[in-house]
Amino acid sequence: MTLTATEYKYIELDERNIAIIAGTTMKVLELVTSQFTHGWSPEELHFQYPHLSMSQIHSALAYYWDNQAEVDAEIERRFEYAERMRLEAGESPLVAKLRAQGLLKRRGYK
């Protein structure tokens, strides 16, 4: 994989221009998604991802805030793709069986 350096010490761009935390395979958008989903502080992110230094975390968050529209658009694209795949796949046999037994309510499948 070819990586391109950025003005952020710990952030590199992959061949698709996705920001990666240097020295890892973790994408900035994955860290940001964790922060927003769980409401984690940088310190909690470090606790949850001990392989990342506080410097890497702060660099990733700075990259996000400086490129918020671009990163948010990529997060939205990924969410839409996952939702499309979920709808195309339909219910699994296990879910169908649980619904038939009345153990699950119908939701989100067409």
N, C-alpha and C. Protein backbone atom coordinates (compact mmCIF):
# COMPACT_ATOMS: atom_id res chain seq x y z
N MET A 1 0.85 -1.17 0.00
CA MET A 1 0.00 0.00 0.00
C MET A 1 0.89 1.24 0.00
N THR A 2 0.60 2.16 -0.89
CA THR A 2 1.35 3.41 -0.97
C THR A 2 0.69 4.45 -0.08
N LEU A 3 1.50 5.06 0.78
CA LEU A 3 0.99 6.09 1.69
C LEU A 3 1.63 7.43 1.38
N THR A 4 0.86 8.48 1.51
CA THR A 4 1.34 9.83 1.26
C THR A 4 1.32 10.60 2.57
N ALA A 5 2.42 11.27 2.88
CA ALA A 5 2.51 12.06 4.11
C ALA A 5 1.57 13.26 4.02
N THR A 6 1.15 13.75 5.18
CA THR A 6 0.32 14.95 5.26
C THR A 6 1.02 15.95 6.16
N GLU A 7 0.41 17.10 6.35
CA GLU A 7 0.99 18.09 7.27
C GLU A 7 0.80 17.69 8.73
N TYR A 8 0.04 16.62 8.97
CA TYR A 8 -0.19 16.11 10.32
C TYR A 8 0.83 15.01 10.58
N LYS A 9 1.58 15.15 11.65
CA LYS A 9 2.71 14.26 11.92
C LYS A 9 2.35 12.78 11.86
N TYR A 10 1.21 12.40 12.37
CA TYR A 10 0.86 10.98 12.47
C TYR A 10 -0.23 10.54 11.50
N ILE A 11 -0.47 11.32 10.46
CA ILE A 11 -1.53 10.98 9.51
C ILE A 11 -0.95 10.84 8.12
N GLU A 12 -1.32 9.74 7.45
CA GLU A 12 -0.93 9.50 6.07
C GLU A 12 -2.20 9.20 5.27
N LEU A 13 -2.13 9.44 3.97
CA LEU A 13 -3.25 9.13 3.09
C LEU A 13 -2.92 7.89 2.28
N ASP A 14 -3.89 6.98 2.18
CA ASP A 14 -3.67 5.79 1.36
C ASP A 14 -3.95 6.13 -0.11
N GLU A 15 -3.89 5.13 -0.97
CA GLU A 15 -4.06 5.38 -2.40
C GLU A 15 -5.46 5.88 -2.77
N ARG A 16 -6.42 5.72 -1.87
CA ARG A 16 -7.78 6.23 -2.10
C ARG A 16 -8.02 7.55 -1.36
N ASN A 17 -6.94 8.15 -0.84
CA ASN A 17 -7.00 9.40 -0.07
C ASN A 17 -7.79 9.26 1.22
N ILE A 18 -7.75 8.07 1.81
CA ILE A 18 -8.35 7.84 3.12
C ILE A 18 -7.25 8.06 4.16
N ALA A 19 -7.53 8.87 5.17
CA ALA A 19 -6.54 9.18 6.21
C ALA A 19 -6.35 7.98 7.14
N ILE A 20 -5.08 7.58 7.29
CA ILE A 20 -4.68 6.45 8.12
C ILE A 20 -3.76 6.98 9.22
N ILE A 21 -3.88 6.45 10.41
CA ILE A 21 -2.97 6.83 11.50
C ILE A 21 -1.65 6.12 11.25
N ALA A 22 -0.57 6.89 11.12
CA ALA A 22 0.75 6.37 10.75
C ALA A 22 1.18 5.24 11.68
N GLY A 23 1.76 4.21 11.08
CA GLY A 23 2.26 3.08 11.85
C GLY A 23 1.18 2.09 12.24
N THR A 24 -0.05 2.31 11.77
CA THR A 24 -1.17 1.42 12.09
C THR A 24 -1.96 1.16 10.81
N THR A 25 -2.99 0.37 10.93
CA THR A 25 -3.93 0.20 9.83
C THR A 25 -5.25 0.91 10.15
N MET A 26 -5.28 1.67 11.25
CA MET A 26 -6.51 2.32 11.68
C MET A 26 -6.75 3.61 10.90
N LYS A 27 -7.98 3.74 10.42
CA LYS A 27 -8.38 4.94 9.69
C LYS A 27 -8.86 6.01 10.68
N VAL A 28 -8.61 7.25 10.32
CA VAL A 28 -9.07 8.36 11.15
C VAL A 28 -10.58 8.28 11.34
N LEU A 29 -11.30 7.93 10.29
CA LEU A 29 -12.77 7.88 10.41
C LEU A 29 -13.22 6.80 11.38
N GLU A 30 -12.45 5.74 11.56
CA GLU A 30 -12.79 4.71 12.56
C GLU A 30 -12.64 5.26 13.97
N LEU A 31 -11.58 6.00 14.20
CA LEU A 31 -11.36 6.60 15.52
C LEU A 31 -12.45 7.63 15.82
N VAL A 32 -12.75 8.46 14.84
CA VAL A 32 -13.77 9.50 15.00
C VAL A 32 -15.14 8.87 15.24
N THR A 33 -15.45 7.81 14.52
CA THR A 33 -16.72 7.12 14.71
C THR A 33 -16.82 6.57 16.13
N SER A 34 -15.74 6.01 16.64
CA SER A 34 -15.73 5.52 18.02
C SER A 34 -15.96 6.67 19.00
N GLN A 35 -15.31 7.79 18.74
CA GLN A 35 -15.47 8.92 19.65
C GLN A 35 -16.91 9.41 19.67
N PHE A 36 -17.51 9.57 18.51
CA PHE A 36 -18.88 10.10 18.46
C PHE A 36 -19.91 9.09 18.92
N THR A 37 -19.72 7.83 18.58
CA THR A 37 -20.68 6.80 18.95
C THR A 37 -20.74 6.62 20.47
N HIS A 38 -19.57 6.61 21.10
CA HIS A 38 -19.50 6.32 22.53
C HIS A 38 -19.29 7.56 23.40
N GLY A 39 -19.03 8.71 22.78
CA GLY A 39 -18.79 9.93 23.54
C GLY A 39 -17.45 9.91 24.27
N TRP A 40 -16.49 9.19 23.70
CA TRP A 40 -15.20 9.02 24.37
C TRP A 40 -14.31 10.25 24.24
N SER A 41 -13.62 10.58 25.31
CA SER A 41 -12.59 11.62 25.31
C SER A 41 -11.33 11.05 24.67
N PRO A 42 -10.35 11.90 24.35
CA PRO A 42 -9.09 11.37 23.84
C PRO A 42 -8.44 10.36 24.81
N GLU A 43 -8.58 10.61 26.10
CA GLU A 43 -8.00 9.69 27.08
C GLU A 43 -8.71 8.33 27.03
N GLU A 44 -10.03 8.35 26.88
CA GLU A 44 -10.78 7.09 26.78
C GLU A 44 -10.45 6.38 25.47
N LEU A 45 -10.26 7.14 24.40
CA LEU A 45 -9.83 6.52 23.13
C LEU A 45 -8.50 5.80 23.33
N HIS A 46 -7.59 6.43 24.07
CA HIS A 46 -6.30 5.80 24.34
C HIS A 46 -6.47 4.53 25.17
N PHE A 47 -7.37 4.56 26.12
CA PHE A 47 -7.64 3.37 26.93
C PHE A 47 -8.21 2.25 26.06
N GLN A 48 -9.12 2.60 25.16
CA GLN A 48 -9.75 1.61 24.29
C GLN A 48 -8.82 1.13 23.18
N TYR A 49 -7.92 1.98 22.74
CA TYR A 49 -6.97 1.66 21.67
C TYR A 49 -5.55 1.89 22.18
N PRO A 50 -5.07 1.03 23.07
CA PRO A 50 -3.77 1.26 23.70
C PRO A 50 -2.59 1.24 22.73
N HIS A 51 -2.80 0.72 21.53
CA HIS A 51 -1.72 0.72 20.53
C HIS A 51 -1.52 2.10 19.92
N LEU A 52 -2.43 3.03 20.19
CA LEU A 52 -2.29 4.40 19.71
C LEU A 52 -1.74 5.29 20.82
N SER A 53 -0.82 6.16 20.46
CA SER A 53 -0.31 7.12 21.44
C SER A 53 -1.28 8.30 21.52
N MET A 54 -1.17 9.06 22.58
CA MET A 54 -2.01 10.26 22.70
C MET A 54 -1.70 11.22 21.56
N SER A 55 -0.45 11.28 21.14
CA SER A 55 -0.08 12.15 20.01
C SER A 55 -0.78 11.71 18.73
N GLN A 56 -0.83 10.41 18.49
CA GLN A 56 -1.52 9.91 17.30
C GLN A 56 -3.01 10.24 17.37
N ILE A 57 -3.60 10.08 18.53
CA ILE A 57 -5.03 10.37 18.71
C ILE A 57 -5.32 11.84 18.47
N HIS A 58 -4.53 12.71 19.07
CA HIS A 58 -4.76 14.15 18.90
C HIS A 58 -4.50 14.58 17.46
N SER A 59 -3.52 13.98 16.81
CA SER A 59 -3.26 14.28 15.41
C SER A 59 -4.44 13.86 14.54
N ALA A 60 -5.00 12.68 14.82
CA ALA A 60 -6.16 12.19 14.07
C ALA A 60 -7.36 13.10 14.28
N LEU A 61 -7.58 13.53 15.52
CA LEU A 61 -8.72 14.42 15.80
C LEU A 61 -8.52 15.79 15.15
N ALA A 62 -7.28 16.29 15.15
CA ALA A 62 -7.00 17.56 14.47
C ALA A 62 -7.25 17.43 12.98
N TYR A 63 -6.82 16.31 12.40
CA TYR A 63 -7.07 16.07 10.97
C TYR A 63 -8.57 16.08 10.72
N TYR A 64 -9.32 15.40 11.57
CA TYR A 64 -10.78 15.35 11.40
C TYR A 64 -11.38 16.75 11.43
N TRP A 65 -11.06 17.54 12.43
CA TRP A 65 -11.68 18.86 12.56
C TRP A 65 -11.29 19.77 11.41
N ASP A 66 -10.10 19.60 10.86
CA ASP A 66 -9.68 20.41 9.71
C ASP A 66 -10.25 19.90 8.39
N ASN A 67 -10.74 18.67 8.36
CA ASN A 67 -11.26 18.04 7.14
C ASN A 67 -12.62 17.40 7.40
N GLN A 68 -13.40 18.02 8.26
CA GLN A 68 -14.64 17.43 8.75
C GLN A 68 -15.61 17.07 7.63
N ALA A 69 -15.83 17.95 6.68
CA ALA A 69 -16.81 17.68 5.62
C ALA A 69 -16.41 16.44 4.82
N GLU A 70 -15.14 16.34 4.49
CA GLU A 70 -14.64 15.20 3.71
C GLU A 70 -14.75 13.89 4.49
N VAL A 71 -14.35 13.90 5.75
CA VAL A 71 -14.40 12.68 6.56
C VAL A 71 -15.85 12.30 6.84
N ASP A 72 -16.69 13.27 7.16
CA ASP A 72 -18.11 12.98 7.39
C ASP A 72 -18.77 12.39 6.15
N ALA A 73 -18.40 12.89 4.96
CA ALA A 73 -18.95 12.36 3.71
C ALA A 73 -18.55 10.91 3.52
N GLU A 74 -17.31 10.57 3.85
CA GLU A 74 -16.85 9.18 3.73
C GLU A 74 -17.57 8.28 4.74
N ILE A 75 -17.77 8.77 5.96
CA ILE A 75 -18.53 8.00 6.96
C ILE A 75 -19.94 7.74 6.44
N GLU A 76 -20.57 8.76 5.88
CA GLU A 76 -21.94 8.62 5.35
C GLU A 76 -21.97 7.63 4.18
N ARG A 77 -20.98 7.69 3.28
CA ARG A 77 -20.92 6.73 2.16
C ARG A 77 -20.82 5.31 2.68
N ARG A 78 -20.01 5.11 3.69
CA ARG A 78 -19.84 3.76 4.25
C ARG A 78 -21.12 3.29 4.93
N PHE A 79 -21.79 4.18 5.63
CA PHE A 79 -23.05 3.82 6.28
C PHE A 79 -24.09 3.43 5.23
N GLU A 80 -24.21 4.23 4.17
CA GLU A 80 -25.18 3.95 3.11
C GLU A 80 -24.88 2.62 2.43
N TYR A 81 -23.60 2.33 2.20
CA TYR A 81 -23.21 1.06 1.60
C TYR A 81 -23.61 -0.11 2.51
N ALA A 82 -23.31 0.00 3.79
CA ALA A 82 -23.65 -1.06 4.74
C ALA A 82 -25.16 -1.27 4.81
N GLU A 83 -25.91 -0.18 4.80
CA GLU A 83 -27.38 -0.29 4.84
C GLU A 83 -27.91 -0.95 3.57
N ARG A 84 -27.35 -0.58 2.42
CA ARG A 84 -27.75 -1.19 1.15
C ARG A 84 -27.46 -2.69 1.16
N MET A 85 -26.30 -3.08 1.65
CA MET A 85 -25.93 -4.50 1.72
C MET A 85 -26.85 -5.25 2.68
N ARG A 86 -27.19 -4.62 3.80
CA ARG A 86 -28.09 -5.25 4.77
C ARG A 86 -29.45 -5.51 4.14
N LEU A 87 -29.96 -4.52 3.43
CA LEU A 87 -31.27 -4.68 2.80
C LEU A 87 -31.24 -5.72 1.69
N GLU A 88 -30.15 -5.75 0.91
CA GLU A 88 -30.03 -6.73 -0.17
C GLU A 88 -29.92 -8.15 0.39
N ALA A 89 -29.25 -8.30 1.50
CA ALA A 89 -29.04 -9.63 2.09
C ALA A 89 -30.33 -10.18 2.68
N GLY A 90 -31.18 -9.31 3.16
CA GLY A 90 -32.42 -9.76 3.78
C GLY A 90 -32.16 -10.44 5.11
N GLU A 91 -33.19 -11.08 5.61
CA GLU A 91 -33.08 -11.74 6.91
C GLU A 91 -32.29 -13.04 6.80
N SER A 92 -31.53 -13.31 7.83
CA SER A 92 -30.84 -14.59 7.92
C SER A 92 -31.85 -15.66 8.33
N PRO A 93 -31.55 -16.92 8.09
CA PRO A 93 -32.46 -17.98 8.53
C PRO A 93 -32.73 -17.94 10.04
N LEU A 94 -31.72 -17.61 10.83
CA LEU A 94 -31.90 -17.53 12.27
C LEU A 94 -32.90 -16.43 12.64
N VAL A 95 -32.74 -15.26 12.04
CA VAL A 95 -33.66 -14.16 12.33
C VAL A 95 -35.08 -14.53 11.90
N ALA A 96 -35.23 -15.15 10.74
CA ALA A 96 -36.56 -15.57 10.27
C ALA A 96 -37.19 -16.55 11.25
N LYS A 97 -36.40 -17.48 11.76
CA LYS A 97 -36.91 -18.47 12.72
C LYS A 97 -37.35 -17.79 14.03
N LEU A 98 -36.52 -16.85 14.52
CA LEU A 98 -36.87 -16.14 15.75
C LEU A 98 -38.12 -15.29 15.56
N ARG A 99 -38.27 -14.68 14.40
CA ARG A 99 -39.48 -13.90 14.12
C ARG A 99 -40.71 -14.81 14.09
N ALA A 100 -40.57 -15.96 13.45
CA ALA A 100 -41.68 -16.91 13.36
C ALA A 100 -42.12 -17.37 14.75
N GLN A 101 -41.17 -17.43 15.68
CA GLN A 101 -41.48 -17.84 17.05
C GLN A 101 -41.97 -16.65 17.89
N GLY A 102 -42.01 -15.47 17.28
CA GLY A 102 -42.47 -14.29 18.00
C GLY A 102 -41.43 -13.71 18.94
N LEU A 103 -40.18 -14.11 18.78
CA LEU A 103 -39.12 -13.64 19.68
C LEU A 103 -38.47 -12.34 19.20
N LEU A 104 -38.71 -11.98 17.95
CA LEU A 104 -38.19 -10.72 17.41
C LEU A 104 -39.31 -9.99 16.69
N LYS A 105 -39.29 -8.68 16.79
CA LYS A 105 -40.25 -7.86 16.05
C LYS A 105 -39.67 -7.56 14.67
N ARG A 106 -40.55 -7.36 13.72
CA ARG A 106 -40.12 -7.03 12.37
C ARG A 106 -39.60 -5.59 12.36
N ARG A 107 -38.45 -5.39 11.68
CA ARG A 107 -37.92 -4.04 11.60
C ARG A 107 -36.93 -3.92 10.45
N GLY A 108 -37.10 -2.94 9.63
CA GLY A 108 -36.11 -2.55 8.64
C GLY A 108 -35.92 -3.44 7.43
N TYR A 109 -36.56 -4.59 7.35
CA TYR A 109 -36.38 -5.45 6.18
C TYR A 109 -37.58 -5.31 5.27
N LYS A 110 -37.32 -5.35 4.00
CA LYS A 110 -38.42 -5.21 3.03
C LYS A 110 -38.62 -6.50 2.28
